[in-house]
Amino acid sequence: MKSRQELPEEDSEESLGPSRSARKRDAEARQRLGVRLVGLREARLQALKLDLPETLLDAIREARTIKKGPGLARQYQYIGRLMRDIEPAPIEAALAQVEGGWSARAKIPR
């Protein structure tokens, strides 16, 4: 077995890409983002004007019909898998803007 110093340059850690832990953290973050989308009402989701694939939108709508249990957990995992192919930054920005609006309205005294 070669030591780390004897490995050719193309086998160095930089060329291997992200570690398994980093990939797992990214997948979990995307799943959490998808779960946040499930929590939105349909009108609010449409108002975000995000160009989401129809399969993802269908999965989000399906998750809303599942009340709890392992079926919901599996649906969240499926949503996370679909989110892997989507750039999360625009979704996070849109959700931050919407959630910022909610907190601003909550602070207005009535």
N, C-alpha and C. Protein backbone atom coordinates (compact mmCIF):
# COMPACT_ATOMS: atom_id res chain seq x y z
N MET A 1 0.84 -1.17 0.00
CA MET A 1 0.00 0.00 0.00
C MET A 1 0.88 1.23 0.00
N LYS A 2 0.55 2.19 -0.86
CA LYS A 2 1.35 3.40 -0.96
C LYS A 2 0.95 4.37 0.14
N SER A 3 1.93 5.07 0.63
CA SER A 3 1.62 6.10 1.61
C SER A 3 1.06 7.31 0.88
N ARG A 4 0.50 8.22 1.60
CA ARG A 4 -0.11 9.40 1.03
C ARG A 4 0.91 10.22 0.23
N GLN A 5 2.15 10.24 0.66
CA GLN A 5 3.18 11.02 -0.02
C GLN A 5 3.57 10.39 -1.35
N GLU A 6 3.40 9.09 -1.49
CA GLU A 6 3.80 8.41 -2.71
C GLU A 6 2.71 8.40 -3.78
N LEU A 7 1.50 8.87 -3.45
CA LEU A 7 0.42 8.86 -4.42
C LEU A 7 0.70 9.86 -5.54
N PRO A 8 0.35 9.51 -6.74
CA PRO A 8 0.50 10.47 -7.83
C PRO A 8 -0.40 11.68 -7.61
N GLU A 9 -0.08 12.78 -8.25
CA GLU A 9 -0.81 14.03 -8.07
C GLU A 9 -2.30 13.89 -8.37
N GLU A 10 -2.68 13.10 -9.38
CA GLU A 10 -4.09 12.99 -9.73
C GLU A 10 -4.90 12.25 -8.67
N ASP A 11 -4.28 11.54 -7.76
CA ASP A 11 -4.99 10.83 -6.70
C ASP A 11 -5.00 11.61 -5.39
N SER A 12 -4.58 12.85 -5.41
CA SER A 12 -4.56 13.64 -4.18
C SER A 12 -5.98 13.95 -3.75
N GLU A 13 -6.14 14.42 -2.54
CA GLU A 13 -7.47 14.68 -2.00
C GLU A 13 -8.22 15.74 -2.79
N GLU A 14 -7.52 16.73 -3.35
CA GLU A 14 -8.18 17.79 -4.09
C GLU A 14 -8.87 17.23 -5.33
N SER A 15 -8.28 16.23 -5.96
CA SER A 15 -8.86 15.70 -7.19
C SER A 15 -9.97 14.69 -6.93
N LEU A 16 -10.11 14.25 -5.71
CA LEU A 16 -11.14 13.26 -5.39
C LEU A 16 -12.52 13.89 -5.20
N GLY A 17 -12.59 15.20 -5.08
CA GLY A 17 -13.87 15.87 -4.88
C GLY A 17 -14.22 15.93 -3.41
N PRO A 18 -15.45 16.30 -3.12
CA PRO A 18 -15.86 16.42 -1.72
C PRO A 18 -15.86 15.07 -1.01
N SER A 19 -15.63 15.13 0.27
CA SER A 19 -15.62 13.89 1.05
C SER A 19 -17.04 13.34 1.15
N ARG A 20 -17.14 12.12 1.59
CA ARG A 20 -18.45 11.49 1.76
C ARG A 20 -19.28 12.27 2.77
N SER A 21 -18.63 12.73 3.84
CA SER A 21 -19.35 13.50 4.86
C SER A 21 -19.87 14.81 4.27
N ALA A 22 -19.07 15.47 3.44
CA ALA A 22 -19.51 16.72 2.83
C ALA A 22 -20.68 16.48 1.88
N ARG A 23 -20.63 15.40 1.12
CA ARG A 23 -21.73 15.08 0.22
C ARG A 23 -23.00 14.78 1.02
N LYS A 24 -22.85 14.10 2.14
CA LYS A 24 -24.00 13.77 2.98
C LYS A 24 -24.60 15.03 3.60
N ARG A 25 -23.75 15.95 4.07
CA ARG A 25 -24.24 17.20 4.64
C ARG A 25 -25.00 18.00 3.57
N ASP A 26 -24.47 18.02 2.36
CA ASP A 26 -25.13 18.74 1.27
C ASP A 26 -26.48 18.12 0.95
N ALA A 27 -26.55 16.81 0.91
CA ALA A 27 -27.81 16.12 0.62
C ALA A 27 -28.83 16.39 1.71
N GLU A 28 -28.40 16.39 2.96
CA GLU A 28 -29.31 16.65 4.08
C GLU A 28 -29.80 18.09 4.05
N ALA A 29 -28.92 19.03 3.67
CA ALA A 29 -29.32 20.44 3.58
C ALA A 29 -30.36 20.63 2.48
N ARG A 30 -30.16 19.94 1.36
CA ARG A 30 -31.14 20.04 0.27
C ARG A 30 -32.47 19.41 0.67
N GLN A 31 -32.43 18.33 1.44
CA GLN A 31 -33.67 17.71 1.90
C GLN A 31 -34.40 18.67 2.85
N ARG A 32 -33.67 19.31 3.75
CA ARG A 32 -34.30 20.28 4.66
C ARG A 32 -34.93 21.43 3.88
N LEU A 33 -34.25 21.85 2.81
CA LEU A 33 -34.79 22.92 1.97
C LEU A 33 -36.09 22.45 1.31
N GLY A 34 -36.11 21.22 0.85
CA GLY A 34 -37.33 20.66 0.27
C GLY A 34 -38.46 20.57 1.28
N VAL A 35 -38.14 20.23 2.52
CA VAL A 35 -39.15 20.14 3.57
C VAL A 35 -39.72 21.54 3.85
N ARG A 36 -38.87 22.56 3.77
CA ARG A 36 -39.37 23.92 3.93
C ARG A 36 -40.36 24.27 2.82
N LEU A 37 -40.11 23.79 1.62
CA LEU A 37 -41.04 24.02 0.51
C LEU A 37 -42.36 23.31 0.76
N VAL A 38 -42.31 22.13 1.37
CA VAL A 38 -43.54 21.39 1.68
C VAL A 38 -44.39 22.20 2.66
N GLY A 39 -43.75 22.92 3.56
CA GLY A 39 -44.47 23.70 4.56
C GLY A 39 -45.18 24.93 4.02
N LEU A 40 -44.88 25.31 2.79
CA LEU A 40 -45.53 26.47 2.20
C LEU A 40 -46.91 26.10 1.65
N ARG A 41 -47.81 27.03 1.68
CA ARG A 41 -49.11 26.83 1.03
C ARG A 41 -48.89 26.87 -0.47
N GLU A 42 -49.81 26.27 -1.20
CA GLU A 42 -49.68 26.18 -2.66
C GLU A 42 -49.57 27.56 -3.30
N ALA A 43 -50.39 28.50 -2.86
CA ALA A 43 -50.35 29.84 -3.43
C ALA A 43 -49.00 30.51 -3.18
N ARG A 44 -48.45 30.31 -1.99
CA ARG A 44 -47.15 30.90 -1.64
C ARG A 44 -46.05 30.25 -2.47
N LEU A 45 -46.13 28.95 -2.67
CA LEU A 45 -45.14 28.24 -3.49
C LEU A 45 -45.16 28.76 -4.92
N GLN A 46 -46.36 28.95 -5.47
CA GLN A 46 -46.49 29.48 -6.84
C GLN A 46 -46.01 30.93 -6.91
N ALA A 47 -46.22 31.69 -5.83
CA ALA A 47 -45.83 33.09 -5.81
C ALA A 47 -44.31 33.26 -5.81
N LEU A 48 -43.59 32.24 -5.39
CA LEU A 48 -42.13 32.34 -5.38
C LEU A 48 -41.55 32.44 -6.78
N LYS A 49 -42.30 32.01 -7.77
CA LYS A 49 -41.88 32.07 -9.18
C LYS A 49 -40.56 31.33 -9.41
N LEU A 50 -40.42 30.18 -8.77
CA LEU A 50 -39.24 29.36 -8.96
C LEU A 50 -39.49 28.40 -10.12
N ASP A 51 -38.48 28.16 -10.89
CA ASP A 51 -38.60 27.25 -12.03
C ASP A 51 -38.25 25.84 -11.55
N LEU A 52 -39.17 25.25 -10.79
CA LEU A 52 -38.94 23.92 -10.24
C LEU A 52 -39.50 22.86 -11.19
N PRO A 53 -38.82 21.72 -11.29
CA PRO A 53 -39.34 20.64 -12.14
C PRO A 53 -40.71 20.16 -11.66
N GLU A 54 -41.51 19.73 -12.59
CA GLU A 54 -42.86 19.28 -12.26
C GLU A 54 -42.82 18.06 -11.33
N THR A 55 -41.81 17.19 -11.48
CA THR A 55 -41.72 16.02 -10.60
C THR A 55 -41.51 16.44 -9.15
N LEU A 56 -40.72 17.50 -8.94
CA LEU A 56 -40.49 18.00 -7.59
C LEU A 56 -41.77 18.61 -7.04
N LEU A 57 -42.45 19.40 -7.84
CA LEU A 57 -43.71 20.00 -7.38
C LEU A 57 -44.73 18.93 -7.03
N ASP A 58 -44.81 17.88 -7.84
CA ASP A 58 -45.72 16.78 -7.55
C ASP A 58 -45.35 16.09 -6.23
N ALA A 59 -44.05 15.89 -6.00
CA ALA A 59 -43.59 15.26 -4.76
C ALA A 59 -43.91 16.13 -3.55
N ILE A 60 -43.78 17.45 -3.70
CA ILE A 60 -44.11 18.37 -2.61
C ILE A 60 -45.60 18.30 -2.30
N ARG A 61 -46.42 18.31 -3.34
CA ARG A 61 -47.87 18.21 -3.14
C ARG A 61 -48.26 16.88 -2.51
N GLU A 62 -47.61 15.82 -2.92
CA GLU A 62 -47.90 14.50 -2.35
C GLU A 62 -47.52 14.46 -0.86
N ALA A 63 -46.40 15.09 -0.50
CA ALA A 63 -45.97 15.10 0.90
C ALA A 63 -46.98 15.81 1.79
N ARG A 64 -47.66 16.79 1.25
CA ARG A 64 -48.67 17.52 2.03
C ARG A 64 -49.86 16.63 2.39
N THR A 65 -50.11 15.59 1.60
CA THR A 65 -51.25 14.71 1.87
C THR A 65 -50.92 13.62 2.87
N ILE A 66 -49.64 13.39 3.13
CA ILE A 66 -49.22 12.34 4.07
C ILE A 66 -49.12 12.97 5.45
N LYS A 67 -49.81 12.43 6.41
CA LYS A 67 -49.87 13.05 7.73
C LYS A 67 -48.61 12.85 8.57
N LYS A 68 -48.17 11.61 8.72
CA LYS A 68 -46.97 11.36 9.52
C LYS A 68 -46.51 9.93 9.31
N GLY A 69 -45.41 9.58 9.94
CA GLY A 69 -44.93 8.21 9.89
C GLY A 69 -43.85 7.98 8.85
N PRO A 70 -43.55 6.70 8.63
CA PRO A 70 -42.46 6.36 7.72
C PRO A 70 -42.73 6.76 6.27
N GLY A 71 -43.99 6.82 5.89
CA GLY A 71 -44.31 7.24 4.53
C GLY A 71 -43.90 8.68 4.27
N LEU A 72 -44.11 9.53 5.25
CA LEU A 72 -43.71 10.93 5.13
C LEU A 72 -42.19 11.06 5.10
N ALA A 73 -41.52 10.27 5.92
CA ALA A 73 -40.05 10.29 5.93
C ALA A 73 -39.50 9.86 4.57
N ARG A 74 -40.10 8.82 3.99
CA ARG A 74 -39.66 8.38 2.66
C ARG A 74 -39.93 9.44 1.62
N GLN A 75 -41.05 10.14 1.73
CA GLN A 75 -41.37 11.20 0.77
C GLN A 75 -40.37 12.35 0.90
N TYR A 76 -39.97 12.69 2.12
CA TYR A 76 -38.96 13.72 2.33
C TYR A 76 -37.63 13.30 1.70
N GLN A 77 -37.27 12.03 1.84
CA GLN A 77 -36.04 11.55 1.22
C GLN A 77 -36.13 11.63 -0.30
N TYR A 78 -37.27 11.33 -0.84
CA TYR A 78 -37.47 11.42 -2.29
C TYR A 78 -37.34 12.88 -2.75
N ILE A 79 -37.92 13.80 -1.99
CA ILE A 79 -37.80 15.21 -2.31
C ILE A 79 -36.33 15.63 -2.26
N GLY A 80 -35.61 15.16 -1.24
CA GLY A 80 -34.18 15.46 -1.14
C GLY A 80 -33.42 14.93 -2.34
N ARG A 81 -33.78 13.76 -2.82
CA ARG A 81 -33.11 13.18 -4.00
C ARG A 81 -33.39 14.04 -5.23
N LEU A 82 -34.62 14.50 -5.38
CA LEU A 82 -34.96 15.36 -6.51
C LEU A 82 -34.25 16.71 -6.41
N MET A 83 -34.01 17.17 -5.20
CA MET A 83 -33.36 18.47 -4.99
C MET A 83 -31.87 18.42 -5.34
N ARG A 84 -31.29 17.23 -5.46
CA ARG A 84 -29.85 17.13 -5.77
C ARG A 84 -29.51 17.75 -7.12
N ASP A 85 -30.46 17.75 -8.04
CA ASP A 85 -30.22 18.25 -9.39
C ASP A 85 -30.54 19.73 -9.54
N ILE A 86 -30.90 20.38 -8.45
CA ILE A 86 -31.34 21.77 -8.49
C ILE A 86 -30.37 22.64 -7.70
N GLU A 87 -30.08 23.81 -8.22
CA GLU A 87 -29.23 24.77 -7.51
C GLU A 87 -30.04 25.35 -6.35
N PRO A 88 -29.55 25.19 -5.11
CA PRO A 88 -30.36 25.60 -3.95
C PRO A 88 -30.35 27.11 -3.67
N ALA A 89 -29.36 27.85 -4.16
CA ALA A 89 -29.23 29.27 -3.80
C ALA A 89 -30.47 30.09 -4.15
N PRO A 90 -31.04 29.99 -5.37
CA PRO A 90 -32.23 30.79 -5.66
C PRO A 90 -33.43 30.44 -4.77
N ILE A 91 -33.55 29.17 -4.43
CA ILE A 91 -34.66 28.74 -3.57
C ILE A 91 -34.47 29.31 -2.18
N GLU A 92 -33.24 29.22 -1.65
CA GLU A 92 -32.96 29.76 -0.31
C GLU A 92 -33.21 31.26 -0.27
N ALA A 93 -32.80 31.98 -1.33
CA ALA A 93 -33.01 33.43 -1.37
C ALA A 93 -34.49 33.76 -1.38
N ALA A 94 -35.27 33.03 -2.19
CA ALA A 94 -36.71 33.28 -2.26
C ALA A 94 -37.38 32.98 -0.92
N LEU A 95 -36.99 31.89 -0.28
CA LEU A 95 -37.57 31.55 1.02
C LEU A 95 -37.18 32.58 2.08
N ALA A 96 -35.95 33.06 2.05
CA ALA A 96 -35.50 34.06 3.01
C ALA A 96 -36.30 35.35 2.85
N GLN A 97 -36.57 35.70 1.60
CA GLN A 97 -37.36 36.91 1.35
C GLN A 97 -38.79 36.74 1.87
N VAL A 98 -39.38 35.60 1.61
CA VAL A 98 -40.75 35.33 2.08
C VAL A 98 -40.78 35.27 3.60
N GLU A 99 -39.85 34.55 4.19
CA GLU A 99 -39.84 34.42 5.64
C GLU A 99 -39.52 35.74 6.31
N GLY A 100 -38.71 36.57 5.67
CA GLY A 100 -38.43 37.91 6.19
C GLY A 100 -39.69 38.75 6.19
N GLY A 101 -40.50 38.59 5.16
CA GLY A 101 -41.77 39.30 5.09
C GLY A 101 -42.72 38.86 6.18
N TRP A 102 -42.72 37.56 6.46
CA TRP A 102 -43.58 37.05 7.53
C TRP A 102 -43.17 37.62 8.88
N SER A 103 -41.87 37.65 9.17
CA SER A 103 -41.43 38.14 10.48
C SER A 103 -41.67 39.63 10.59
N ALA A 104 -41.55 40.36 9.48
CA ALA A 104 -41.79 41.79 9.53
C ALA A 104 -43.26 42.05 9.83
N ARG A 105 -44.17 41.27 9.22
CA ARG A 105 -45.59 41.44 9.49
C ARG A 105 -45.93 41.03 10.92
N ALA A 106 -45.22 40.04 11.46
CA ALA A 106 -45.50 39.58 12.81
C ALA A 106 -45.12 40.64 13.84
N LYS A 107 -44.18 41.54 13.52
CA LYS A 107 -43.71 42.54 14.46
C LYS A 107 -44.59 43.79 14.45
N ILE A 108 -45.48 43.92 13.47
CA ILE A 108 -46.33 45.10 13.40
C ILE A 108 -47.38 45.02 14.49
N PRO A 109 -47.42 46.03 15.39
CA PRO A 109 -48.43 46.00 16.44
C PRO A 109 -49.81 46.23 15.86
N ARG A 110 -50.77 45.54 16.41
CA ARG A 110 -52.16 45.67 15.93
C ARG A 110 -53.04 46.26 16.98
